[in-house]
Amino acid sequence: MLTNQYRGKTVGELCSLLNIKRNKQFSKSDAERIMVRMFDGRSIHVSQVDVFSRFGIKAKTIVLTKSGKHTEDMKLDSVTDSDWSALKVSCADFEDSAFYDCFKDTQFLCMVFEEPSHDAPFDDNVFLGFKWYSFSDDFIDSEVRHVWKRMNSLIADDKLAFVPQLKKDGTVRYNRNGFTRGAPNLPKAKDGIVFLRGAGENSDSKNKPLVINGVQMYHQNIWIKGAFIAGELKKEEYL
């Protein structure tokens, strides 16, 4: 078993043991290389590993604190063009959406690490093992459906809007490039366990390729709060 074979080794030790060539700047991509080498050895990305692609398995790296708490949220898929189109229709069918499939039809293989301290480099994180995870029907029917319905209401009822980010004094915040800081009023992390977050690095409109109801935005990714995932993984046994 891979967990028994490699448990307790750091990212740095695993890279050396598995003969993984690395960049000078260590990053989370090292964990992907480790997983690929453990399961395949030939592919470049986890998604290309044969057993994962054939059975619809998504691989995720989870880093926990020593007390078992989360260190970051988990990104899933991007909202598809077909879903954006469907959301423009009142009472869009949740069960027929790629958004639904992202949660319903996917098994997650989680590669779990523990950080030795808050400021420790990723290289020092210790491998704890692998865990399977899938979202329950109850979670999908409540938390995930709620987000879909909120998105549908905003888009079908033409209530989607860009919301500027404000300073404490109520004035608008601007980025260094002079563009207004802000985001569309889609479900955020403060609103629930499932939320959306744009994938982009600056607010210049030319770098926001998605236009929904006249609102320019980055492509939107589906995220899950790390605290929820950490809590769920505590219930699962290591493989």
Protein backbone atom coordinates (compact mmCIF):
# COMPACT_ATOMS: atom_id res chain seq x y z
CA MET A 1 0.00 0.00 0.00
CA LEU A 2 1.30 3.44 -0.97
CA THR A 3 0.26 5.02 2.33
CA ASN A 4 2.27 2.49 4.35
CA GLN A 5 5.21 2.72 1.95
CA TYR A 6 5.61 6.49 1.98
CA ARG A 7 3.85 7.75 5.13
CA GLY A 8 5.93 10.08 7.30
CA LYS A 9 8.19 11.32 4.51
CA THR A 10 8.37 15.00 3.60
CA VAL A 11 7.73 16.43 0.15
CA GLY A 12 11.47 16.94 -0.24
CA GLU A 13 12.27 13.37 0.78
CA LEU A 14 9.63 11.95 -1.57
CA CYS A 15 10.98 13.95 -4.50
CA SER A 16 14.46 12.60 -3.85
CA LEU A 17 13.22 9.05 -3.32
CA LEU A 18 11.14 9.09 -6.51
CA ASN A 19 13.83 10.83 -8.60
CA ILE A 20 11.66 13.83 -9.39
CA LYS A 21 13.38 16.76 -11.06
CA ARG A 22 12.33 20.03 -9.46
CA ASN A 23 12.46 23.75 -10.01
CA LYS A 24 14.39 25.87 -7.54
CA GLN A 25 11.10 27.33 -6.32
CA PHE A 26 9.24 24.53 -4.57
CA SER A 27 5.46 24.60 -4.98
CA LYS A 28 2.26 22.60 -4.72
CA SER A 29 2.91 21.27 -8.22
CA ASP A 30 5.57 19.07 -6.58
CA ALA A 31 2.76 17.12 -4.92
CA GLU A 32 1.20 16.44 -8.31
CA ARG A 33 4.53 15.13 -9.61
CA ILE A 34 4.80 12.87 -6.56
CA MET A 35 1.33 11.43 -7.13
CA VAL A 36 1.98 10.87 -10.82
CA ARG A 37 5.22 9.03 -10.04
CA MET A 38 3.52 6.86 -7.40
CA PHE A 39 0.66 5.79 -9.67
CA ASP A 40 2.10 5.99 -13.16
CA GLY A 41 5.50 7.51 -13.71
CA ARG A 42 4.97 8.31 -17.39
CA SER A 43 2.36 11.08 -17.41
CA ILE A 44 2.99 14.78 -16.84
CA HIS A 45 -0.26 15.60 -15.04
CA VAL A 46 -2.46 13.59 -12.69
CA SER A 47 -5.41 13.91 -15.07
CA GLN A 48 -3.40 11.93 -17.64
CA VAL A 49 -2.85 8.94 -15.37
CA ASP A 50 -4.77 6.09 -17.03
CA VAL A 51 -6.58 4.75 -13.98
CA PHE A 52 -7.78 8.22 -13.03
CA SER A 53 -9.04 9.20 -16.49
CA ARG A 54 -10.78 5.85 -17.11
CA PHE A 55 -12.75 5.90 -13.87
CA GLY A 56 -13.44 9.63 -13.53
CA ILE A 57 -11.21 10.03 -10.47
CA LYS A 58 -10.07 13.52 -9.49
CA ALA A 59 -6.86 13.78 -7.48
CA LYS A 60 -6.49 16.54 -4.88
CA THR A 61 -3.73 17.59 -2.51
CA ILE A 62 -4.93 18.43 0.99
CA VAL A 63 -2.65 20.11 3.54
CA LEU A 64 -3.71 19.98 7.18
CA THR A 65 -2.32 21.57 10.32
CA LYS A 66 -1.04 19.42 13.18
CA SER A 67 -4.46 19.75 14.82
CA GLY A 68 -6.20 18.48 11.69
CA LYS A 69 -7.51 21.89 10.58
CA HIS A 70 -7.52 23.05 6.97
CA THR A 71 -4.91 25.36 5.49
CA GLU A 72 -6.71 26.30 2.26
CA ASP A 73 -9.92 25.86 0.28
CA MET A 74 -10.29 23.24 -2.45
CA LYS A 75 -10.89 24.11 -6.10
CA LEU A 76 -13.09 21.84 -8.22
CA ASP A 77 -14.12 22.49 -11.84
CA SER A 78 -14.89 25.67 -13.77
CA VAL A 79 -18.48 26.64 -14.52
CA THR A 80 -19.04 25.54 -18.12
CA ASP A 81 -20.37 27.58 -21.03
CA SER A 82 -23.37 25.23 -21.25
CA ASP A 83 -24.21 25.91 -17.60
CA TRP A 84 -23.98 29.69 -18.07
CA SER A 85 -26.43 29.37 -20.96
CA ALA A 86 -28.79 27.15 -18.97
CA LEU A 87 -28.75 29.54 -16.02
CA LYS A 88 -30.37 32.25 -18.16
CA VAL A 89 -33.61 30.23 -18.10
CA SER A 90 -35.88 30.42 -15.05
CA CYS A 91 -35.87 27.20 -13.00
CA ALA A 92 -32.83 25.84 -14.84
CA ASP A 93 -32.57 22.07 -14.31
CA PHE A 94 -29.92 21.42 -11.66
CA GLU A 95 -29.72 17.65 -12.27
CA ASP A 96 -28.92 18.15 -15.97
CA SER A 97 -26.04 20.54 -15.32
CA ALA A 98 -22.28 20.01 -15.37
CA PHE A 99 -22.35 21.82 -12.02
CA TYR A 100 -24.33 18.90 -10.58
CA ASP A 101 -22.09 16.30 -12.25
CA CYS A 102 -19.02 17.96 -10.70
CA PHE A 103 -20.29 16.79 -7.29
CA LYS A 104 -22.41 13.75 -8.11
CA ASP A 105 -20.29 11.74 -10.51
CA THR A 106 -16.80 12.29 -9.16
CA GLN A 107 -14.66 10.28 -6.76
CA PHE A 108 -11.81 12.22 -5.17
CA LEU A 109 -8.51 10.66 -4.22
CA CYS A 110 -7.03 13.00 -1.64
CA MET A 111 -3.29 13.03 -1.02
CA VAL A 112 -3.06 14.28 2.55
CA PHE A 113 -0.09 16.17 3.98
CA GLU A 114 0.53 17.75 7.37
CA GLU A 115 2.40 21.04 7.71
CA PRO A 116 4.89 21.12 10.63
CA SER A 117 4.17 24.80 11.30
CA HIS A 118 2.26 27.71 9.81
CA ASP A 119 5.31 29.27 8.18
CA ALA A 120 7.00 26.03 7.08
CA PRO A 121 7.91 25.71 3.37
CA PHE A 122 5.83 23.29 1.31
CA ASP A 123 8.93 21.12 1.01
CA ASP A 124 8.68 20.25 4.72
CA ASN A 125 5.09 19.03 4.62
CA VAL A 126 4.76 15.42 5.73
CA PHE A 127 2.83 12.82 3.73
CA LEU A 128 0.10 11.14 5.82
CA GLY A 129 -1.56 8.99 3.17
CA PHE A 130 -4.43 8.74 0.69
CA LYS A 131 -8.16 8.97 1.39
CA TRP A 132 -11.20 8.50 -0.84
CA TYR A 133 -13.94 11.09 -0.72
CA SER A 134 -17.26 11.68 -2.48
CA PHE A 135 -20.00 14.19 -1.72
CA SER A 136 -23.18 12.85 -0.12
CA ASP A 137 -26.58 13.16 -1.79
CA ASP A 138 -27.79 15.25 1.15
CA PHE A 139 -24.93 17.71 0.74
CA ILE A 140 -25.56 18.01 -3.00
CA ASP A 141 -29.29 18.47 -2.54
CA SER A 142 -28.86 21.20 0.06
CA GLU A 143 -25.59 23.11 -0.23
CA VAL A 144 -24.86 22.63 -3.94
CA ARG A 145 -28.45 23.05 -5.14
CA HIS A 146 -28.71 26.25 -3.08
CA VAL A 147 -25.74 27.79 -4.94
CA TRP A 148 -27.16 26.74 -8.31
CA LYS A 149 -30.55 28.29 -7.49
CA ARG A 150 -28.87 31.50 -6.34
CA MET A 151 -26.90 31.72 -9.59
CA ASN A 152 -30.05 30.97 -11.59
CA SER A 153 -31.99 33.69 -9.78
CA LEU A 154 -29.29 36.30 -10.38
CA ILE A 155 -28.87 35.51 -14.07
CA ALA A 156 -32.43 34.63 -15.16
CA ASP A 157 -33.86 37.65 -13.31
CA ASP A 158 -31.11 39.94 -14.66
CA LYS A 159 -29.83 40.80 -11.18
CA LEU A 160 -26.20 39.90 -11.83
CA ALA A 161 -23.97 42.90 -11.16
CA PHE A 162 -20.39 43.95 -10.59
CA VAL A 163 -19.90 44.99 -6.96
CA PRO A 164 -17.01 47.39 -6.26
CA GLN A 165 -14.82 46.68 -3.25
CA LEU A 166 -14.95 49.51 -0.71
CA LYS A 167 -12.51 50.86 1.83
CA LYS A 168 -13.49 51.31 5.49
CA ASP A 169 -14.45 54.90 4.75
CA GLY A 170 -16.85 53.79 2.01
CA THR A 171 -14.75 54.91 -0.96
CA VAL A 172 -13.98 52.60 -3.87
CA ARG A 173 -10.75 50.58 -3.89
CA TYR A 174 -8.60 50.58 -7.04
CA ASN A 175 -5.85 48.26 -8.26
CA ARG A 176 -2.45 49.62 -9.23
CA ASN A 177 -3.52 49.63 -12.86
CA GLY A 178 -6.32 52.07 -12.02
CA PHE A 179 -9.20 49.65 -12.47
CA THR A 180 -11.85 49.27 -9.80
CA ARG A 181 -11.44 46.33 -7.44
CA GLY A 182 -14.51 44.17 -7.09
CA ALA A 183 -16.32 41.04 -8.24
CA PRO A 184 -19.71 39.91 -9.55
CA ASN A 185 -22.36 39.26 -6.90
CA LEU A 186 -22.17 35.50 -7.35
CA PRO A 187 -22.05 33.23 -4.24
CA LYS A 188 -18.88 33.95 -2.23
CA ALA A 189 -17.03 32.11 0.55
CA LYS A 190 -18.84 34.24 3.13
CA ASP A 191 -22.16 32.89 1.83
CA GLY A 192 -21.66 29.16 2.30
CA ILE A 193 -19.57 26.01 1.95
CA VAL A 194 -19.78 25.98 -1.85
CA PHE A 195 -18.81 29.19 -3.63
CA LEU A 196 -17.40 30.69 -6.81
CA ARG A 197 -14.10 32.46 -7.31
CA GLY A 198 -12.74 34.05 -10.46
CA ALA A 199 -9.54 32.79 -12.06
CA GLY A 200 -7.48 35.83 -12.99
CA GLU A 201 -4.63 38.07 -11.89
CA ASN A 202 -5.62 41.66 -12.67
CA SER A 203 -8.83 43.58 -13.15
CA ASP A 204 -8.21 45.04 -16.62
CA SER A 205 -11.38 44.34 -18.61
CA LYS A 206 -9.40 42.83 -21.50
CA ASN A 207 -8.29 40.06 -19.11
CA LYS A 208 -11.89 39.22 -18.18
CA PRO A 209 -12.97 36.97 -21.05
CA LEU A 210 -16.40 36.01 -19.71
CA VAL A 211 -19.44 38.26 -20.24
CA ILE A 212 -22.71 37.25 -18.58
CA ASN A 213 -25.69 39.60 -18.86
CA GLY A 214 -23.30 42.38 -19.78
CA VAL A 215 -21.10 41.83 -16.71
CA GLN A 216 -17.43 41.18 -17.51
CA MET A 217 -15.70 38.67 -15.28
CA TYR A 218 -12.99 36.05 -15.04
CA HIS A 219 -13.86 32.43 -15.71
CA GLN A 220 -15.46 31.21 -12.49
CA ASN A 221 -14.24 28.16 -10.59
CA ILE A 222 -16.27 26.13 -8.10
CA TRP A 223 -14.68 25.97 -4.64
CA ILE A 224 -15.32 24.14 -1.37
CA LYS A 225 -14.34 25.54 2.00
CA GLY A 226 -11.27 23.83 3.38
CA ALA A 227 -12.75 23.56 6.86
CA PHE A 228 -15.58 21.42 5.50
CA ILE A 229 -13.25 19.12 3.56
CA ALA A 230 -10.91 18.72 6.55
CA GLY A 231 -13.85 17.77 8.73
CA GLU A 232 -15.14 15.27 6.20
CA LEU A 233 -11.75 13.61 5.72
CA LYS A 234 -11.49 12.99 9.46
CA LYS A 235 -14.34 10.50 9.03
CA GLU A 236 -12.47 8.54 6.35
CA GLU A 237 -9.80 5.89 6.84
CA TYR A 238 -6.43 6.04 5.12
CA LEU A 239 -6.09 3.63 2.21
